[in-house]
Amino acid sequence: MESWVRDITVALGALGLSQTTKANPKSSELWRVKQAHESYAMIKYGQALTNMQEAVNNQVVNTRQIFLISVLVFCFEAMQGRKDTACINAAKGLRAIADLHLEAKKRADGSALQSYPKRHHDEDLACAEWYVQSLSRTSFNHRTSLMMAHS
């Protein structure tokens, strides 16, 4: 398993725990537990982002992994209440998928997709298209949805 998958999965779990822990600042023990979960989530999320960026920069990810990165980052950002950031990151991920497919089409041997089976390309594009349509139907922010549709 890629380290970024493990890190962001742990981050999402810790963030979920911090958000479901019923605590207020007057209840010091529960408050410390809530804060510890939130802090750990942010640390793991930072590690995941660093590892994701490194994998993308080194071109060791395929379209399916870029799609997964996009969805997981979207989930984390949306859980944090940063809906505009979530949508912007999702749009960037989808643009990266489209760029990778365009690059592969330009190369006769398809080497840009790292021996990735052709049937997966079609599935990934269908998933990405569904993802864009789903995001554009969300009511986070009309401006963001329009921006994504025209990206």
C-alpha atoms as a PDB file:
ATOM      1  CA  MET A   1       0.000   0.000   0.000  1.00  0.00           C
ATOM      2  CA  GLU A   2       1.239   3.458  -0.862  1.00  0.00           C
ATOM      3  CA  SER A   3       2.208   5.476   2.213  1.00  0.00           C
ATOM      4  CA  TRP A   4      -0.054   8.360   1.195  1.00  0.00           C
ATOM      5  CA  VAL A   5      -3.086   6.039   1.116  1.00  0.00           C
ATOM      6  CA  ARG A   6      -2.350   4.846   4.643  1.00  0.00           C
ATOM      7  CA  ASP A   7      -1.644   8.378   5.911  1.00  0.00           C
ATOM      8  CA  ILE A   8      -4.754  10.009   4.502  1.00  0.00           C
ATOM      9  CA  THR A   9      -6.949   7.105   5.601  1.00  0.00           C
ATOM     10  CA  VAL A  10      -5.625   7.469   9.153  1.00  0.00           C
ATOM     11  CA  ALA A  11      -6.073  11.253   8.897  1.00  0.00           C
ATOM     12  CA  LEU A  12      -9.705  10.856   7.843  1.00  0.00           C
ATOM     13  CA  GLY A  13     -10.334   8.440  10.724  1.00  0.00           C
ATOM     14  CA  ALA A  14      -8.705  10.717  13.299  1.00  0.00           C
ATOM     15  CA  LEU A  15     -10.581  13.738  11.968  1.00  0.00           C
ATOM     16  CA  GLY A  16     -13.828  11.793  12.164  1.00  0.00           C
ATOM     17  CA  LEU A  17     -13.081  10.870  15.776  1.00  0.00           C
ATOM     18  CA  SER A  18     -12.320  14.479  16.643  1.00  0.00           C
ATOM     19  CA  GLN A  19     -15.590  15.609  15.113  1.00  0.00           C
ATOM     20  CA  THR A  20     -17.699  12.974  16.859  1.00  0.00           C
ATOM     21  CA  THR A  21     -16.128  13.446  20.282  1.00  0.00           C
ATOM     22  CA  LYS A  22     -18.641  15.438  22.283  1.00  0.00           C
ATOM     23  CA  ALA A  23     -16.551  17.788  24.328  1.00  0.00           C
ATOM     24  CA  ASN A  24     -16.380  21.352  25.433  1.00  0.00           C
ATOM     25  CA  PRO A  25     -13.430  23.308  26.784  1.00  0.00           C
ATOM     26  CA  LYS A  26     -14.789  22.994  30.350  1.00  0.00           C
ATOM     27  CA  SER A  27     -14.472  19.194  30.218  1.00  0.00           C
ATOM     28  CA  SER A  28     -10.695  19.153  30.064  1.00  0.00           C
ATOM     29  CA  GLU A  29     -10.104  15.394  29.555  1.00  0.00           C
ATOM     30  CA  LEU A  30     -12.549  14.985  26.670  1.00  0.00           C
ATOM     31  CA  TRP A  31     -11.369  18.274  25.198  1.00  0.00           C
ATOM     32  CA  ARG A  32      -7.750  17.043  25.237  1.00  0.00           C
ATOM     33  CA  VAL A  33      -8.810  13.789  23.521  1.00  0.00           C
ATOM     34  CA  LYS A  34     -10.713  15.741  20.854  1.00  0.00           C
ATOM     35  CA  GLN A  35      -7.750  18.076  20.299  1.00  0.00           C
ATOM     36  CA  ALA A  36      -5.315  15.143  20.155  1.00  0.00           C
ATOM     37  CA  HIS A  37      -7.385  13.446  17.425  1.00  0.00           C
ATOM     38  CA  GLU A  38      -7.585  16.679  15.451  1.00  0.00           C
ATOM     39  CA  SER A  39      -3.870  17.362  15.816  1.00  0.00           C
ATOM     40  CA  TYR A  40      -2.971  13.813  14.756  1.00  0.00           C
ATOM     41  CA  ALA A  41      -5.313  14.112  11.758  1.00  0.00           C
ATOM     42  CA  MET A  42      -3.541  17.267  10.616  1.00  0.00           C
ATOM     43  CA  ILE A  43      -0.095  15.669  11.014  1.00  0.00           C
ATOM     44  CA  LYS A  44      -1.090  12.584   9.005  1.00  0.00           C
ATOM     45  CA  TYR A  45      -2.818  14.734   6.375  1.00  0.00           C
ATOM     46  CA  GLY A  46       0.340  16.817   5.979  1.00  0.00           C
ATOM     47  CA  GLN A  47       2.421  13.652   5.578  1.00  0.00           C
ATOM     48  CA  ALA A  48      -0.067  12.291   3.049  1.00  0.00           C
ATOM     49  CA  LEU A  49       0.028  15.510   0.993  1.00  0.00           C
ATOM     50  CA  THR A  50       3.832  15.491   0.980  1.00  0.00           C
ATOM     51  CA  ASN A  51       3.948  11.854  -0.145  1.00  0.00           C
ATOM     52  CA  MET A  52       1.215  12.411  -2.744  1.00  0.00           C
ATOM     53  CA  GLN A  53       3.052  15.380  -4.220  1.00  0.00           C
ATOM     54  CA  GLU A  54       6.295  13.412  -4.328  1.00  0.00           C
ATOM     55  CA  ALA A  55       4.589  10.521  -6.130  1.00  0.00           C
ATOM     56  CA  VAL A  56       2.993  12.880  -8.664  1.00  0.00           C
ATOM     57  CA  ASN A  57       6.266  14.803  -9.222  1.00  0.00           C
ATOM     58  CA  ASN A  58       8.147  11.532  -9.766  1.00  0.00           C
ATOM     59  CA  GLN A  59       5.409  10.345 -12.132  1.00  0.00           C
ATOM     60  CA  VAL A  60       4.876   7.110 -10.251  1.00  0.00           C
ATOM     61  CA  VAL A  61       1.085   7.416 -10.115  1.00  0.00           C
ATOM     62  CA  ASN A  62      -1.498   6.390 -12.672  1.00  0.00           C
ATOM     63  CA  THR A  63      -4.889   7.888 -13.398  1.00  0.00           C
ATOM     64  CA  ARG A  64      -6.661   5.653 -10.917  1.00  0.00           C
ATOM     65  CA  GLN A  65      -4.329   6.786  -8.142  1.00  0.00           C
ATOM     66  CA  ILE A  66      -4.733  10.444  -9.103  1.00  0.00           C
ATOM     67  CA  PHE A  67      -8.494   9.933  -8.958  1.00  0.00           C
ATOM     68  CA  LEU A  68      -8.177   8.360  -5.497  1.00  0.00           C
ATOM     69  CA  ILE A  69      -5.954  11.217  -4.318  1.00  0.00           C
ATOM     70  CA  SER A  70      -8.522  13.709  -5.567  1.00  0.00           C
ATOM     71  CA  VAL A  71     -11.437  11.998  -3.808  1.00  0.00           C
ATOM     72  CA  LEU A  72      -9.597  11.555  -0.500  1.00  0.00           C
ATOM     73  CA  VAL A  73      -8.344  15.155  -0.432  1.00  0.00           C
ATOM     74  CA  PHE A  74     -11.862  16.309  -1.275  1.00  0.00           C
ATOM     75  CA  CYS A  75     -13.256  14.311   1.667  1.00  0.00           C
ATOM     76  CA  PHE A  76     -10.706  15.658   4.147  1.00  0.00           C
ATOM     77  CA  GLU A  77     -11.119  19.269   3.084  1.00  0.00           C
ATOM     78  CA  ALA A  78     -14.924  19.006   3.080  1.00  0.00           C
ATOM     79  CA  MET A  79     -14.892  17.448   6.571  1.00  0.00           C
ATOM     80  CA  GLN A  80     -12.817  20.426   7.717  1.00  0.00           C
ATOM     81  CA  GLY A  81     -15.503  22.732   6.354  1.00  0.00           C
ATOM     82  CA  ARG A  82     -13.273  24.049   3.565  1.00  0.00           C
ATOM     83  CA  LYS A  83     -15.717  23.314   0.768  1.00  0.00           C
ATOM     84  CA  ASP A  84     -14.282  25.747  -1.775  1.00  0.00           C
ATOM     85  CA  THR A  85     -10.794  24.300  -1.231  1.00  0.00           C
ATOM     86  CA  ALA A  86     -12.230  20.792  -1.552  1.00  0.00           C
ATOM     87  CA  CYS A  87     -13.808  21.611  -4.912  1.00  0.00           C
ATOM     88  CA  ILE A  88     -10.731  23.414  -6.226  1.00  0.00           C
ATOM     89  CA  ASN A  89      -8.503  20.446  -5.317  1.00  0.00           C
ATOM     90  CA  ALA A  90     -10.954  18.048  -6.940  1.00  0.00           C
ATOM     91  CA  ALA A  91     -10.867  20.112 -10.136  1.00  0.00           C
ATOM     92  CA  LYS A  92      -7.043  20.076 -10.112  1.00  0.00           C
ATOM     93  CA  GLY A  93      -7.027  16.307  -9.746  1.00  0.00           C
ATOM     94  CA  LEU A  94      -9.415  15.871 -12.629  1.00  0.00           C
ATOM     95  CA  ARG A  95      -7.347  18.199 -14.781  1.00  0.00           C
ATOM     96  CA  ALA A  96      -4.281  16.081 -13.976  1.00  0.00           C
ATOM     97  CA  ILE A  97      -6.156  12.963 -15.127  1.00  0.00           C
ATOM     98  CA  ALA A  98      -7.190  14.671 -18.354  1.00  0.00           C
ATOM     99  CA  ASP A  99      -3.617  15.896 -18.947  1.00  0.00           C
ATOM    100  CA  LEU A 100      -2.257  12.390 -18.417  1.00  0.00           C
ATOM    101  CA  HIS A 101      -4.724  10.960 -20.926  1.00  0.00           C
ATOM    102  CA  LEU A 102      -3.884  13.661 -23.471  1.00  0.00           C
ATOM    103  CA  GLU A 103      -0.180  12.978 -23.021  1.00  0.00           C
ATOM    104  CA  ALA A 104      -0.755   9.255 -23.565  1.00  0.00           C
ATOM    105  CA  LYS A 105      -2.708   9.934 -26.756  1.00  0.00           C
ATOM    106  CA  LYS A 106       0.187  12.030 -28.076  1.00  0.00           C
ATOM    107  CA  ARG A 107       2.608   9.158 -27.533  1.00  0.00           C
ATOM    108  CA  ALA A 108       2.094   6.289 -29.921  1.00  0.00           C
ATOM    109  CA  ASP A 109       3.288   3.746 -27.383  1.00  0.00           C
ATOM    110  CA  GLY A 110       1.053   5.053 -24.550  1.00  0.00           C
ATOM    111  CA  SER A 111       4.058   5.138 -22.234  1.00  0.00           C
ATOM    112  CA  ALA A 112       2.676   8.116 -20.314  1.00  0.00           C
ATOM    113  CA  LEU A 113       0.246   5.761 -18.632  1.00  0.00           C
ATOM    114  CA  GLN A 114       2.918   3.327 -17.423  1.00  0.00           C
ATOM    115  CA  SER A 115       1.622   0.134 -19.030  1.00  0.00           C
ATOM    116  CA  TYR A 116      -1.783   0.768 -17.561  1.00  0.00           C
ATOM    117  CA  PRO A 117      -4.439  -1.449 -19.244  1.00  0.00           C
ATOM    118  CA  LYS A 118      -6.572   0.437 -21.759  1.00  0.00           C
ATOM    119  CA  ARG A 119      -9.820  -0.758 -20.186  1.00  0.00           C
ATOM    120  CA  HIS A 120      -8.819   1.055 -16.986  1.00  0.00           C
ATOM    121  CA  HIS A 121      -8.421   4.315 -18.909  1.00  0.00           C
ATOM    122  CA  ASP A 122     -12.021   4.163 -20.060  1.00  0.00           C
ATOM    123  CA  GLU A 123     -13.260   3.233 -16.572  1.00  0.00           C
ATOM    124  CA  ASP A 124     -11.241   6.039 -15.009  1.00  0.00           C
ATOM    125  CA  LEU A 125     -12.573   8.603 -17.446  1.00  0.00           C
ATOM    126  CA  ALA A 126     -16.136   7.434 -16.764  1.00  0.00           C
ATOM    127  CA  CYS A 127     -15.545   7.674 -12.989  1.00  0.00           C
ATOM    128  CA  ALA A 128     -13.954  11.103 -13.351  1.00  0.00           C
ATOM    129  CA  GLU A 129     -16.881  12.297 -15.460  1.00  0.00           C
ATOM    130  CA  TRP A 130     -19.346  11.045 -12.824  1.00  0.00           C
ATOM    131  CA  TYR A 131     -17.273  12.742 -10.121  1.00  0.00           C
ATOM    132  CA  VAL A 132     -17.346  16.107 -11.918  1.00  0.00           C
ATOM    133  CA  GLN A 133     -21.099  15.823 -12.453  1.00  0.00           C
ATOM    134  CA  SER A 134     -21.647  14.910  -8.801  1.00  0.00           C
ATOM    135  CA  LEU A 135     -19.545  17.828  -7.606  1.00  0.00           C
ATOM    136  CA  SER A 136     -21.298  20.252  -9.911  1.00  0.00           C
ATOM    137  CA  ARG A 137     -24.633  19.177  -8.392  1.00  0.00           C
ATOM    138  CA  THR A 138     -23.497  19.826  -4.820  1.00  0.00           C
ATOM    139  CA  SER A 139     -24.742  23.016  -3.310  1.00  0.00           C
ATOM    140  CA  PHE A 140     -21.456  23.934  -1.601  1.00  0.00           C
ATOM    141  CA  ASN A 141     -21.027  27.059  -3.577  1.00  0.00           C
ATOM    142  CA  HIS A 142     -22.627  27.859  -6.906  1.00  0.00           C
ATOM    143  CA  ARG A 143     -19.576  29.870  -8.034  1.00  0.00           C
ATOM    144  CA  THR A 144     -17.217  26.959  -7.340  1.00  0.00           C
ATOM    145  CA  SER A 145     -19.454  24.494  -9.170  1.00  0.00           C
ATOM    146  CA  LEU A 146     -19.550  26.744 -12.209  1.00  0.00           C
ATOM    147  CA  MET A 147     -15.795  27.241 -12.040  1.00  0.00           C
ATOM    148  CA  MET A 148     -15.241  23.468 -12.008  1.00  0.00           C
ATOM    149  CA  ALA A 149     -17.589  22.889 -14.912  1.00  0.00           C
ATOM    150  CA  HIS A 150     -15.561  25.283 -17.074  1.00  0.00           C
ATOM    151  CA  SER A 151     -12.083  24.093 -15.983  1.00  0.00           C
END
